[in-house]
Amino acid sequence: MSRTPQEQANLQLVLDMFEQVLVPLDAGAVDRFISPDYIQHHQNVEPGREALKTFLDWAKGQPGDAVQTLHRAFVDGDHVTLHYHVIRHTGDPGFAVIDLFRIEDGMIAEHWDVMQDVNPHRLNPLSPF
């Protein structure tokens, strides 16, 4: 399946945001990618772009060296989905994340996510990744 030029641009926007905002937890880079009218659906983060910056600053201040490893990315029109693994510190099995972003006017306008703890003693031998 091929992507339209707009879908490729939407995917690249989200991948760039992942590398420049989420991986380094850089609140200072948020304005380059996130719309001023950003709609947040994450249950533990208040609505809006400024709340996202506050959350990133909080996460960056947590002990350990968090690592985010992207496993797959999908685009469908104005929606981009990322599936990745977050490890908070050495020895942490981490959690699996699926982020869904809606793009509008060249910026990320809306975000949903689903997170699941990685169970090192899971019954299913298949990795969540």
N, C-alpha and C. Protein backbone atom coordinates (compact mmCIF):
# COMPACT_ATOMS: atom_id res chain seq x y z
N MET A 1 0.85 -1.17 0.00
CA MET A 1 0.00 0.00 0.00
C MET A 1 0.90 1.24 0.00
N SER A 2 0.61 2.16 -0.88
CA SER A 2 1.42 3.37 -0.96
C SER A 2 0.76 4.49 -0.15
N ARG A 3 1.58 5.44 0.22
CA ARG A 3 1.12 6.59 0.99
C ARG A 3 0.99 7.80 0.06
N THR A 4 0.03 8.64 0.39
CA THR A 4 -0.06 9.91 -0.32
C THR A 4 1.05 10.82 0.20
N PRO A 5 1.40 11.87 -0.56
CA PRO A 5 2.40 12.81 -0.05
C PRO A 5 1.98 13.41 1.30
N GLN A 6 0.68 13.67 1.48
CA GLN A 6 0.22 14.23 2.75
C GLN A 6 0.38 13.22 3.89
N GLU A 7 0.08 11.95 3.62
CA GLU A 7 0.27 10.93 4.65
C GLU A 7 1.75 10.81 5.02
N GLN A 8 2.63 10.86 4.03
CA GLN A 8 4.06 10.79 4.32
C GLN A 8 4.49 11.98 5.17
N ALA A 9 3.97 13.17 4.87
CA ALA A 9 4.30 14.35 5.67
C ALA A 9 3.76 14.21 7.09
N ASN A 10 2.56 13.66 7.24
CA ASN A 10 1.98 13.46 8.57
C ASN A 10 2.81 12.46 9.38
N LEU A 11 3.20 11.37 8.74
CA LEU A 11 4.02 10.37 9.40
C LEU A 11 5.36 10.97 9.82
N GLN A 12 5.99 11.72 8.93
CA GLN A 12 7.29 12.31 9.25
C GLN A 12 7.18 13.31 10.39
N LEU A 13 6.11 14.09 10.42
CA LEU A 13 5.89 15.04 11.52
C LEU A 13 5.87 14.30 12.86
N VAL A 14 5.12 13.21 12.93
CA VAL A 14 5.01 12.47 14.20
C VAL A 14 6.32 11.78 14.54
N LEU A 15 7.01 11.21 13.55
CA LEU A 15 8.30 10.59 13.82
C LEU A 15 9.32 11.61 14.32
N ASP A 16 9.32 12.79 13.72
CA ASP A 16 10.22 13.86 14.17
C ASP A 16 9.87 14.28 15.59
N MET A 17 8.59 14.40 15.88
CA MET A 17 8.17 14.75 17.24
C MET A 17 8.60 13.69 18.23
N PHE A 18 8.45 12.41 17.87
CA PHE A 18 8.87 11.32 18.75
C PHE A 18 10.35 11.47 19.09
N GLU A 19 11.19 11.68 18.06
CA GLU A 19 12.63 11.77 18.26
C GLU A 19 13.07 13.05 18.98
N GLN A 20 12.36 14.15 18.76
CA GLN A 20 12.80 15.43 19.30
C GLN A 20 12.08 15.86 20.57
N VAL A 21 10.92 15.25 20.86
CA VAL A 21 10.15 15.61 22.05
C VAL A 21 10.04 14.43 23.01
N LEU A 22 9.50 13.30 22.56
CA LEU A 22 9.23 12.19 23.47
C LEU A 22 10.49 11.47 23.94
N VAL A 23 11.40 11.17 23.03
CA VAL A 23 12.62 10.45 23.45
C VAL A 23 13.43 11.28 24.44
N PRO A 24 13.72 12.55 24.16
CA PRO A 24 14.50 13.32 25.14
C PRO A 24 13.64 13.98 26.23
N LEU A 25 12.31 13.80 26.15
CA LEU A 25 11.37 14.45 27.09
C LEU A 25 11.62 15.96 27.10
N ASP A 26 11.68 16.55 25.92
CA ASP A 26 12.03 17.95 25.74
C ASP A 26 10.81 18.85 25.58
N ALA A 27 10.37 19.43 26.68
CA ALA A 27 9.21 20.33 26.65
C ALA A 27 9.48 21.56 25.78
N GLY A 28 10.73 21.96 25.66
CA GLY A 28 11.08 23.13 24.86
C GLY A 28 10.85 22.95 23.37
N ALA A 29 10.74 21.72 22.92
CA ALA A 29 10.54 21.44 21.49
C ALA A 29 9.07 21.26 21.13
N VAL A 30 8.19 21.28 22.11
CA VAL A 30 6.76 20.99 21.89
C VAL A 30 6.12 21.92 20.87
N ASP A 31 6.39 23.21 20.96
CA ASP A 31 5.70 24.19 20.11
C ASP A 31 5.97 23.98 18.62
N ARG A 32 7.06 23.29 18.27
CA ARG A 32 7.35 23.04 16.85
C ARG A 32 6.43 22.00 16.24
N PHE A 33 5.80 21.18 17.08
CA PHE A 33 5.04 20.04 16.58
C PHE A 33 3.57 20.03 17.01
N ILE A 34 3.27 20.63 18.14
CA ILE A 34 1.96 20.51 18.77
C ILE A 34 1.18 21.80 18.59
N SER A 35 -0.04 21.69 18.12
CA SER A 35 -0.92 22.83 17.88
C SER A 35 -1.24 23.58 19.17
N PRO A 36 -1.38 24.90 19.11
CA PRO A 36 -1.79 25.66 20.30
C PRO A 36 -3.15 25.19 20.84
N ASP A 37 -3.99 24.63 19.97
CA ASP A 37 -5.33 24.16 20.38
C ASP A 37 -5.34 22.65 20.64
N TYR A 38 -4.20 22.09 20.97
CA TYR A 38 -3.99 20.66 21.18
C TYR A 38 -5.04 20.05 22.11
N ILE A 39 -5.60 18.94 21.68
CA ILE A 39 -6.59 18.19 22.47
C ILE A 39 -5.91 16.93 23.00
N GLN A 40 -5.89 16.79 24.31
CA GLN A 40 -5.21 15.67 24.98
C GLN A 40 -6.24 14.73 25.59
N HIS A 41 -6.11 13.44 25.31
CA HIS A 41 -7.04 12.45 25.87
C HIS A 41 -6.39 11.55 26.91
N HIS A 42 -5.09 11.74 27.19
CA HIS A 42 -4.40 10.93 28.19
C HIS A 42 -5.05 11.19 29.55
N GLN A 43 -5.37 10.14 30.28
CA GLN A 43 -6.15 10.26 31.51
C GLN A 43 -5.42 10.95 32.65
N ASN A 44 -4.08 10.95 32.63
CA ASN A 44 -3.32 11.52 33.74
C ASN A 44 -2.60 12.81 33.39
N VAL A 45 -3.01 13.42 32.29
CA VAL A 45 -2.42 14.71 31.88
C VAL A 45 -3.57 15.67 31.61
N GLU A 46 -3.48 16.85 32.18
CA GLU A 46 -4.53 17.85 31.96
C GLU A 46 -4.58 18.24 30.49
N PRO A 47 -5.69 18.79 30.03
CA PRO A 47 -5.82 19.18 28.63
C PRO A 47 -4.86 20.31 28.24
N GLY A 48 -4.49 20.33 26.97
CA GLY A 48 -3.77 21.45 26.39
C GLY A 48 -2.27 21.25 26.26
N ARG A 49 -1.69 22.11 25.43
CA ARG A 49 -0.26 22.05 25.11
C ARG A 49 0.62 22.37 26.31
N GLU A 50 0.22 23.35 27.12
CA GLU A 50 1.04 23.71 28.29
C GLU A 50 1.08 22.58 29.30
N ALA A 51 -0.02 21.86 29.46
CA ALA A 51 -0.05 20.72 30.37
C ALA A 51 0.88 19.61 29.87
N LEU A 52 0.97 19.44 28.56
CA LEU A 52 1.90 18.47 28.00
C LEU A 52 3.33 18.84 28.37
N LYS A 53 3.67 20.11 28.27
CA LYS A 53 5.01 20.56 28.63
C LYS A 53 5.29 20.28 30.11
N THR A 54 4.31 20.55 30.95
CA THR A 54 4.46 20.29 32.39
C THR A 54 4.68 18.80 32.64
N PHE A 55 3.92 17.96 31.95
CA PHE A 55 4.08 16.51 32.08
C PHE A 55 5.48 16.06 31.65
N LEU A 56 5.96 16.58 30.52
CA LEU A 56 7.29 16.20 30.04
C LEU A 56 8.37 16.62 31.02
N ASP A 57 8.25 17.82 31.58
CA ASP A 57 9.22 18.28 32.58
C ASP A 57 9.19 17.37 33.81
N TRP A 58 7.98 16.96 34.23
CA TRP A 58 7.86 16.05 35.37
C TRP A 58 8.52 14.71 35.05
N ALA A 59 8.22 14.15 33.87
CA ALA A 59 8.76 12.85 33.49
C ALA A 59 10.28 12.90 33.40
N LYS A 60 10.81 13.99 32.88
CA LYS A 60 12.27 14.13 32.74
C LYS A 60 12.93 14.17 34.11
N GLY A 61 12.23 14.68 35.11
CA GLY A 61 12.77 14.78 36.45
C GLY A 61 12.70 13.50 37.27
N GLN A 62 12.08 12.46 36.73
CA GLN A 62 11.97 11.19 37.45
C GLN A 62 13.31 10.47 37.46
N PRO A 63 13.57 9.70 38.52
CA PRO A 63 14.84 8.96 38.56
C PRO A 63 14.93 7.92 37.45
N GLY A 64 16.16 7.62 37.04
CA GLY A 64 16.40 6.65 35.99
C GLY A 64 16.59 7.32 34.65
N ASP A 65 16.97 6.54 33.70
CA ASP A 65 17.18 7.03 32.34
C ASP A 65 16.20 6.32 31.43
N ALA A 66 15.07 6.93 31.21
CA ALA A 66 14.02 6.32 30.39
C ALA A 66 14.51 6.14 28.96
N VAL A 67 14.10 5.02 28.38
CA VAL A 67 14.43 4.71 26.98
C VAL A 67 13.12 4.36 26.28
N GLN A 68 12.89 4.98 25.13
CA GLN A 68 11.72 4.69 24.31
C GLN A 68 12.21 4.07 23.01
N THR A 69 11.71 2.88 22.71
CA THR A 69 12.11 2.19 21.49
C THR A 69 10.89 2.02 20.59
N LEU A 70 10.93 2.68 19.46
CA LEU A 70 9.82 2.60 18.49
C LEU A 70 9.89 1.28 17.74
N HIS A 71 8.77 0.57 17.68
CA HIS A 71 8.71 -0.70 16.98
C HIS A 71 7.95 -0.62 15.66
N ARG A 72 6.93 0.22 15.60
CA ARG A 72 6.21 0.36 14.34
C ARG A 72 5.44 1.68 14.32
N ALA A 73 5.17 2.13 13.09
CA ALA A 73 4.41 3.37 12.88
C ALA A 73 3.49 3.16 11.67
N PHE A 74 2.28 3.69 11.80
CA PHE A 74 1.28 3.56 10.74
C PHE A 74 0.67 4.93 10.48
N VAL A 75 0.26 5.14 9.26
CA VAL A 75 -0.44 6.38 8.92
C VAL A 75 -1.67 6.03 8.08
N ASP A 76 -2.75 6.73 8.37
CA ASP A 76 -3.99 6.59 7.62
C ASP A 76 -4.61 7.98 7.55
N GLY A 77 -4.44 8.64 6.42
CA GLY A 77 -4.97 9.99 6.27
C GLY A 77 -4.33 10.94 7.28
N ASP A 78 -5.16 11.55 8.12
CA ASP A 78 -4.65 12.53 9.08
C ASP A 78 -4.37 11.92 10.45
N HIS A 79 -4.33 10.59 10.54
CA HIS A 79 -4.03 9.89 11.80
C HIS A 79 -2.73 9.09 11.67
N VAL A 80 -1.90 9.20 12.70
CA VAL A 80 -0.64 8.46 12.76
C VAL A 80 -0.62 7.68 14.08
N THR A 81 -0.22 6.41 14.00
CA THR A 81 -0.16 5.55 15.17
C THR A 81 1.28 5.08 15.38
N LEU A 82 1.75 5.18 16.62
CA LEU A 82 3.07 4.66 17.00
C LEU A 82 2.89 3.55 18.03
N HIS A 83 3.72 2.53 17.93
CA HIS A 83 3.74 1.43 18.91
C HIS A 83 5.18 1.33 19.41
N TYR A 84 5.38 1.54 20.72
CA TYR A 84 6.74 1.55 21.24
C TYR A 84 6.82 1.04 22.66
N HIS A 85 8.06 0.80 23.09
CA HIS A 85 8.37 0.25 24.40
C HIS A 85 9.06 1.33 25.23
N VAL A 86 8.57 1.56 26.42
CA VAL A 86 9.19 2.51 27.35
C VAL A 86 9.78 1.72 28.51
N ILE A 87 11.06 1.92 28.76
CA ILE A 87 11.73 1.35 29.92
C ILE A 87 12.18 2.53 30.77
N ARG A 88 11.74 2.58 32.01
CA ARG A 88 12.00 3.72 32.88
C ARG A 88 13.39 3.70 33.51
N HIS A 89 13.93 2.52 33.78
CA HIS A 89 15.23 2.41 34.44
C HIS A 89 15.75 0.99 34.21
N THR A 90 17.02 0.78 34.48
CA THR A 90 17.63 -0.54 34.32
C THR A 90 16.85 -1.57 35.12
N GLY A 91 16.53 -2.69 34.49
CA GLY A 91 15.80 -3.76 35.15
C GLY A 91 14.29 -3.64 35.05
N ASP A 92 13.79 -2.52 34.58
CA ASP A 92 12.35 -2.30 34.43
C ASP A 92 11.87 -3.01 33.17
N PRO A 93 10.86 -3.89 33.28
CA PRO A 93 10.33 -4.49 32.05
C PRO A 93 9.60 -3.47 31.19
N GLY A 94 9.20 -2.36 31.80
CA GLY A 94 8.61 -1.26 31.06
C GLY A 94 7.15 -1.45 30.73
N PHE A 95 6.72 -0.66 29.76
CA PHE A 95 5.34 -0.76 29.30
C PHE A 95 5.27 -0.53 27.81
N ALA A 96 4.25 -1.12 27.22
CA ALA A 96 3.98 -0.97 25.79
C ALA A 96 3.02 0.20 25.62
N VAL A 97 3.30 1.02 24.63
CA VAL A 97 2.48 2.21 24.38
C VAL A 97 2.02 2.20 22.94
N ILE A 98 0.76 2.54 22.75
CA ILE A 98 0.24 2.86 21.42
C ILE A 98 -0.30 4.27 21.51
N ASP A 99 0.31 5.16 20.74
CA ASP A 99 -0.13 6.55 20.65
C ASP A 99 -0.83 6.75 19.32
N LEU A 100 -1.92 7.47 19.35
CA LEU A 100 -2.65 7.82 18.14
C LEU A 100 -2.72 9.34 18.08
N PHE A 101 -2.25 9.90 16.97
CA PHE A 101 -2.21 11.35 16.78
C PHE A 101 -3.06 11.73 15.58
N ARG A 102 -3.76 12.86 15.71
CA ARG A 102 -4.49 13.45 14.58
C ARG A 102 -3.75 14.72 14.17
N ILE A 103 -3.51 14.84 12.87
CA ILE A 103 -2.78 15.97 12.33
C ILE A 103 -3.76 16.94 11.68
N GLU A 104 -3.53 18.22 11.92
CA GLU A 104 -4.36 19.26 11.30
C GLU A 104 -3.47 20.46 10.99
N ASP A 105 -3.51 20.94 9.77
CA ASP A 105 -2.73 22.12 9.35
C ASP A 105 -1.25 21.97 9.67
N GLY A 106 -0.71 20.75 9.47
CA GLY A 106 0.72 20.54 9.64
C GLY A 106 1.21 20.42 11.06
N MET A 107 0.28 20.28 12.02
CA MET A 107 0.68 20.14 13.42
C MET A 107 -0.15 19.04 14.07
N ILE A 108 0.37 18.51 15.17
CA ILE A 108 -0.37 17.51 15.92
C ILE A 108 -1.47 18.22 16.70
N ALA A 109 -2.71 17.85 16.40
CA ALA A 109 -3.86 18.54 16.97
C ALA A 109 -4.54 17.75 18.09
N GLU A 110 -4.36 16.42 18.08
CA GLU A 110 -5.09 15.60 19.05
C GLU A 110 -4.30 14.33 19.33
N HIS A 111 -4.43 13.82 20.56
CA HIS A 111 -3.66 12.63 20.98
C HIS A 111 -4.49 11.72 21.88
N TRP A 112 -4.41 10.42 21.59
CA TRP A 112 -4.96 9.37 22.44
C TRP A 112 -3.83 8.38 22.70
N ASP A 113 -3.91 7.63 23.80
CA ASP A 113 -2.92 6.59 24.02
C ASP A 113 -3.50 5.44 24.82
N VAL A 114 -2.83 4.30 24.68
CA VAL A 114 -3.15 3.10 25.44
C VAL A 114 -1.81 2.55 25.92
N MET A 115 -1.73 2.23 27.22
CA MET A 115 -0.48 1.71 27.79
C MET A 115 -0.76 0.40 28.51
N GLN A 116 0.21 -0.50 28.44
CA GLN A 116 0.10 -1.81 29.07
C GLN A 116 1.46 -2.18 29.66
N ASP A 117 1.46 -2.57 30.94
CA ASP A 117 2.70 -3.05 31.56
C ASP A 117 3.21 -4.27 30.83
N VAL A 118 4.52 -4.36 30.67
CA VAL A 118 5.13 -5.57 30.12
C VAL A 118 5.34 -6.52 31.29
N ASN A 119 4.77 -7.69 31.20
CA ASN A 119 4.85 -8.68 32.26
C ASN A 119 5.99 -9.66 31.95
N PRO A 120 7.07 -9.65 32.72
CA PRO A 120 8.17 -10.57 32.43
C PRO A 120 7.81 -12.04 32.69
N HIS A 121 6.71 -12.28 33.38
CA HIS A 121 6.26 -13.65 33.69
C HIS A 121 4.95 -13.98 32.97
N ARG A 122 4.77 -13.42 31.80
CA ARG A 122 3.52 -13.59 31.05
C ARG A 122 3.32 -15.04 30.63
N LEU A 123 2.07 -15.41 30.49
CA LEU A 123 1.72 -16.75 30.03
C LEU A 123 1.97 -16.91 28.54
N ASN A 124 1.79 -15.85 27.78
CA ASN A 124 1.98 -15.89 26.34
C ASN A 124 3.46 -15.68 26.03
N PRO A 125 4.10 -16.61 25.32
CA PRO A 125 5.51 -16.46 25.03
C PRO A 125 5.82 -15.39 23.98
N LEU A 126 4.80 -14.90 23.31
CA LEU A 126 5.02 -13.88 22.28
C LEU A 126 5.21 -12.52 22.94
N SER A 127 6.14 -11.77 22.43
CA SER A 127 6.40 -10.42 22.93
C SER A 127 5.25 -9.48 22.56
N PRO A 128 4.99 -8.46 23.39
CA PRO A 128 3.98 -7.48 23.00
C PRO A 128 4.48 -6.56 21.88
N PHE A 129 5.71 -6.80 21.43
CA PHE A 129 6.28 -5.99 20.37
C PHE A 129 6.56 -6.82 19.13
